Amino acid sequence: MRAGLATAVATALAICLAGRPVWGHTFPPARTVVVQVEPCELVLLVGYRPGTGEPTEAILTRVASAPKSHALEALRGVMTAFAMAPLTVSVDGTPLVPTAVRAKVGVEPGGARPAVVLLVTYALPRGKALAIGSSDPRTTRISWTDRESGRVAIPGAPAQGKWFAGVASFLLELSPPSGGTTCAASLSSSSHSVH
């Protein structure tokens, strides 16, 4: 299965490096962010596809400079960086650092653009306001769910499971962990793992 993915990625690279698609359609970048709030953690599921033209060419140029034996790892790293670049996550204005990052890369149907799906985990400290920001709101859609953690003050919160597009800052009011739940206070640990 891994060999199949490597072949698909190599095919996509070849198609993209050969030039613009014959059919002439162009697509903007697309970034979807699903925010899942748990008692002590925050999990983001981020999906990203670069736009046709310059964004895809910039990614592929970076990957092309890596040795062929490391092309898949390079694509994963570059796609992860592009997917997360405009996003910020903070509690009460203090940026959160991911505790884990897992990435899966592939190619959209038709092989025109690479795509990545990330699972990014953060320790969720006590605080009053969780903010997910995007410096590129026109390409970002955000949705969220509380998973019955009780960490989000539901009255007054945006609807769960609904997509919000074009939002530069998505805010959720937080409550303290319920039932005496003790969360680890380690915000600076960053054991990033990319698979």
Protein backbone atom coordinates (compact mmCIF):
# COMPACT_ATOMS: atom_id res chain seq x y z
CA MET A 1 0.00 0.00 0.00
CA ARG A 2 2.87 2.38 0.79
CA ALA A 3 4.39 1.64 -2.63
CA GLY A 4 1.04 2.56 -4.22
CA LEU A 5 0.99 5.88 -2.38
CA ALA A 6 4.59 6.57 -3.42
CA THR A 7 3.68 5.83 -7.04
CA ALA A 8 0.64 8.13 -6.83
CA VAL A 9 2.75 10.92 -5.33
CA ALA A 10 5.44 10.44 -7.98
CA THR A 11 2.77 10.55 -10.70
CA ALA A 12 1.29 13.74 -9.25
CA LEU A 13 4.73 15.32 -9.09
CA ALA A 14 5.39 14.42 -12.71
CA ILE A 15 2.03 15.80 -13.87
CA CYS A 16 2.44 19.03 -11.93
CA LEU A 17 6.04 19.58 -12.96
CA ALA A 18 5.14 18.98 -16.61
CA GLY A 19 3.03 22.12 -16.67
CA ARG A 20 -0.49 23.37 -16.25
CA PRO A 21 -3.36 20.96 -16.84
CA VAL A 22 -4.50 20.78 -20.43
CA TRP A 23 -8.12 21.45 -19.44
CA GLY A 24 -7.12 24.88 -18.09
CA HIS A 25 -9.15 24.85 -14.87
CA THR A 26 -7.63 26.52 -11.86
CA PHE A 27 -8.55 25.94 -8.23
CA PRO A 28 -7.80 28.05 -5.15
CA PRO A 29 -6.14 26.47 -2.12
CA ALA A 30 -8.56 24.77 0.27
CA ARG A 31 -8.03 24.34 4.02
CA THR A 32 -10.57 22.73 6.36
CA VAL A 33 -10.11 22.75 10.12
CA VAL A 34 -12.20 20.63 12.48
CA VAL A 35 -11.67 21.63 16.12
CA GLN A 36 -12.39 18.92 18.68
CA VAL A 37 -12.38 20.05 22.32
CA GLU A 38 -11.73 17.39 24.97
CA PRO A 39 -11.35 17.75 28.76
CA CYS A 40 -7.56 18.22 28.68
CA GLU A 41 -6.72 18.33 24.98
CA LEU A 42 -7.54 20.17 21.82
CA VAL A 43 -7.36 18.21 18.56
CA LEU A 44 -7.34 19.78 15.11
CA LEU A 45 -8.06 17.76 11.99
CA VAL A 46 -6.66 19.88 9.15
CA GLY A 47 -7.16 19.05 5.49
CA TYR A 48 -5.24 21.03 2.87
CA ARG A 49 -4.88 21.15 -0.92
CA PRO A 50 -2.76 23.87 -2.51
CA GLY A 51 -4.16 25.96 -5.31
CA THR A 52 -3.29 25.18 -8.90
CA GLY A 53 -0.49 27.23 -10.41
CA GLU A 54 2.03 28.97 -8.18
CA PRO A 55 1.07 27.42 -4.79
CA THR A 56 1.37 23.86 -6.10
CA GLU A 57 4.50 24.70 -8.07
CA ALA A 58 6.13 26.22 -4.95
CA ILE A 59 5.47 23.02 -2.98
CA LEU A 60 6.71 20.78 -5.76
CA THR A 61 9.84 22.87 -6.30
CA ARG A 62 10.77 22.39 -2.63
CA VAL A 63 10.10 18.65 -2.84
CA ALA A 64 12.03 18.28 -6.11
CA SER A 65 15.22 19.47 -4.38
CA ALA A 66 15.12 16.49 -1.96
CA PRO A 67 16.80 13.19 -2.87
CA LYS A 68 14.34 10.86 -4.66
CA SER A 69 14.52 8.35 -1.81
CA HIS A 70 13.19 11.05 0.56
CA ALA A 71 10.59 12.60 -1.78
CA LEU A 72 7.59 11.30 0.17
CA GLU A 73 9.01 12.53 3.49
CA ALA A 74 9.83 15.89 1.91
CA LEU A 75 6.32 16.18 0.45
CA ARG A 76 4.82 15.34 3.86
CA GLY A 77 6.96 17.97 5.60
CA VAL A 78 6.34 20.71 3.05
CA MET A 79 2.60 20.03 2.87
CA THR A 80 2.38 20.07 6.68
CA ALA A 81 4.16 23.43 6.81
CA PHE A 82 1.88 24.94 4.13
CA ALA A 83 -1.26 23.54 5.80
CA MET A 84 -0.41 24.98 9.22
CA ALA A 85 1.33 28.22 8.13
CA PRO A 86 -1.65 30.59 8.40
CA LEU A 87 -3.14 28.94 11.51
CA THR A 88 -2.64 30.03 15.12
CA VAL A 89 -4.05 28.41 18.24
CA SER A 90 -4.10 30.26 21.56
CA VAL A 91 -5.77 30.36 24.97
CA ASP A 92 -6.19 33.84 26.48
CA GLY A 93 -3.71 35.16 23.90
CA THR A 94 -0.97 32.64 24.77
CA PRO A 95 0.00 30.51 21.73
CA LEU A 96 -0.29 26.75 22.17
CA VAL A 97 2.45 24.41 20.96
CA PRO A 98 1.42 21.08 19.41
CA THR A 99 2.22 17.98 21.48
CA ALA A 100 1.83 15.69 18.44
CA VAL A 101 1.44 16.08 14.68
CA ARG A 102 0.53 13.21 12.40
CA ALA A 103 0.30 13.66 8.62
CA LYS A 104 -1.03 11.59 5.72
CA VAL A 105 -0.36 12.73 2.15
CA GLY A 106 -2.05 11.72 -1.04
CA VAL A 107 -3.23 13.03 -4.36
CA GLU A 108 -6.67 14.38 -5.15
CA PRO A 109 -8.73 12.40 -7.67
CA GLY A 110 -7.28 12.93 -11.13
CA GLY A 111 -3.76 13.46 -9.75
CA ALA A 112 -3.68 17.22 -10.34
CA ARG A 113 -2.77 18.34 -6.80
CA PRO A 114 -1.20 16.82 -3.70
CA ALA A 115 -3.28 16.82 -0.51
CA VAL A 116 -2.53 16.35 3.19
CA VAL A 117 -4.61 15.51 6.25
CA LEU A 118 -3.13 16.41 9.65
CA LEU A 119 -4.09 15.35 13.17
CA VAL A 120 -2.61 17.99 15.49
CA THR A 121 -2.93 17.65 19.28
CA TYR A 122 -2.44 20.39 21.90
CA ALA A 123 -2.60 20.33 25.71
CA LEU A 124 -5.61 22.47 26.66
CA PRO A 125 -4.84 24.63 29.71
CA ARG A 126 -7.27 26.45 31.95
CA GLY A 127 -8.36 29.72 30.44
CA LYS A 128 -11.31 31.80 29.35
CA ALA A 129 -11.00 32.01 25.56
CA LEU A 130 -9.78 29.58 22.91
CA ALA A 131 -8.92 31.26 19.59
CA ILE A 132 -8.19 29.56 16.28
CA GLY A 133 -6.88 32.17 13.86
CA SER A 134 -6.14 32.12 10.14
CA SER A 135 -4.11 34.75 8.33
CA ASP A 136 -5.70 33.42 5.11
CA PRO A 137 -9.43 33.34 5.97
CA ARG A 138 -10.58 33.24 2.34
CA THR A 139 -9.21 29.67 1.96
CA THR A 140 -10.08 28.40 5.46
CA ARG A 141 -13.28 26.76 6.74
CA ILE A 142 -13.61 25.93 10.44
CA SER A 143 -16.00 23.62 12.28
CA TRP A 144 -15.96 22.49 15.91
CA THR A 145 -17.32 19.97 18.39
CA ASP A 146 -17.11 19.78 22.19
CA ARG A 147 -17.27 15.94 22.48
CA GLU A 148 -19.21 16.38 25.76
CA SER A 149 -16.06 17.55 27.53
CA GLY A 150 -17.79 20.46 29.20
CA ARG A 151 -14.82 22.73 28.37
CA VAL A 152 -16.78 25.01 26.03
CA ALA A 153 -19.46 27.32 27.42
CA ILE A 154 -22.18 26.09 25.06
CA PRO A 155 -24.70 28.94 25.57
CA GLY A 156 -23.61 31.66 23.18
CA ALA A 157 -21.12 29.43 21.32
CA PRO A 158 -21.31 29.11 17.53
CA ALA A 159 -23.26 26.06 16.34
CA GLN A 160 -21.34 22.78 16.52
CA GLY A 161 -20.86 20.76 13.34
CA LYS A 162 -21.46 23.78 11.07
CA TRP A 163 -18.83 25.16 8.68
CA PHE A 164 -17.71 28.77 9.15
CA ALA A 165 -15.85 30.22 6.16
CA GLY A 166 -13.93 33.46 5.77
CA VAL A 167 -13.31 33.85 9.51
CA ALA A 168 -9.97 35.35 10.56
CA SER A 169 -10.47 34.42 14.23
CA PHE A 170 -12.74 31.70 15.59
CA LEU A 171 -13.42 32.14 19.32
CA LEU A 172 -14.81 29.72 21.91
CA GLU A 173 -15.44 30.63 25.54
CA LEU A 174 -13.88 28.03 27.86
CA SER A 175 -14.94 26.63 31.21
CA PRO A 176 -12.55 24.98 33.69
CA PRO A 177 -12.19 21.17 33.45
CA SER A 178 -15.20 19.58 35.17
CA GLY A 179 -15.40 17.04 37.98
CA GLY A 180 -11.98 17.70 39.44
CA THR A 181 -10.24 16.61 36.22
CA THR A 182 -6.57 17.42 36.52
CA CYS A 183 -4.87 18.22 33.24
CA ALA A 184 -1.13 18.17 32.72
CA ALA A 185 0.25 21.69 32.78
CA SER A 186 2.96 20.96 30.22
CA LEU A 187 2.34 23.41 27.39
CA SER A 188 5.85 23.54 26.05
CA SER A 189 6.40 19.84 25.42
CA SER A 190 6.46 19.25 21.71
CA SER A 191 7.07 15.62 20.80
CA HIS A 192 6.14 16.02 17.15
CA SER A 193 5.55 12.76 15.33
CA VAL A 194 4.77 12.78 11.65
CA HIS A 195 3.67 9.52 10.03
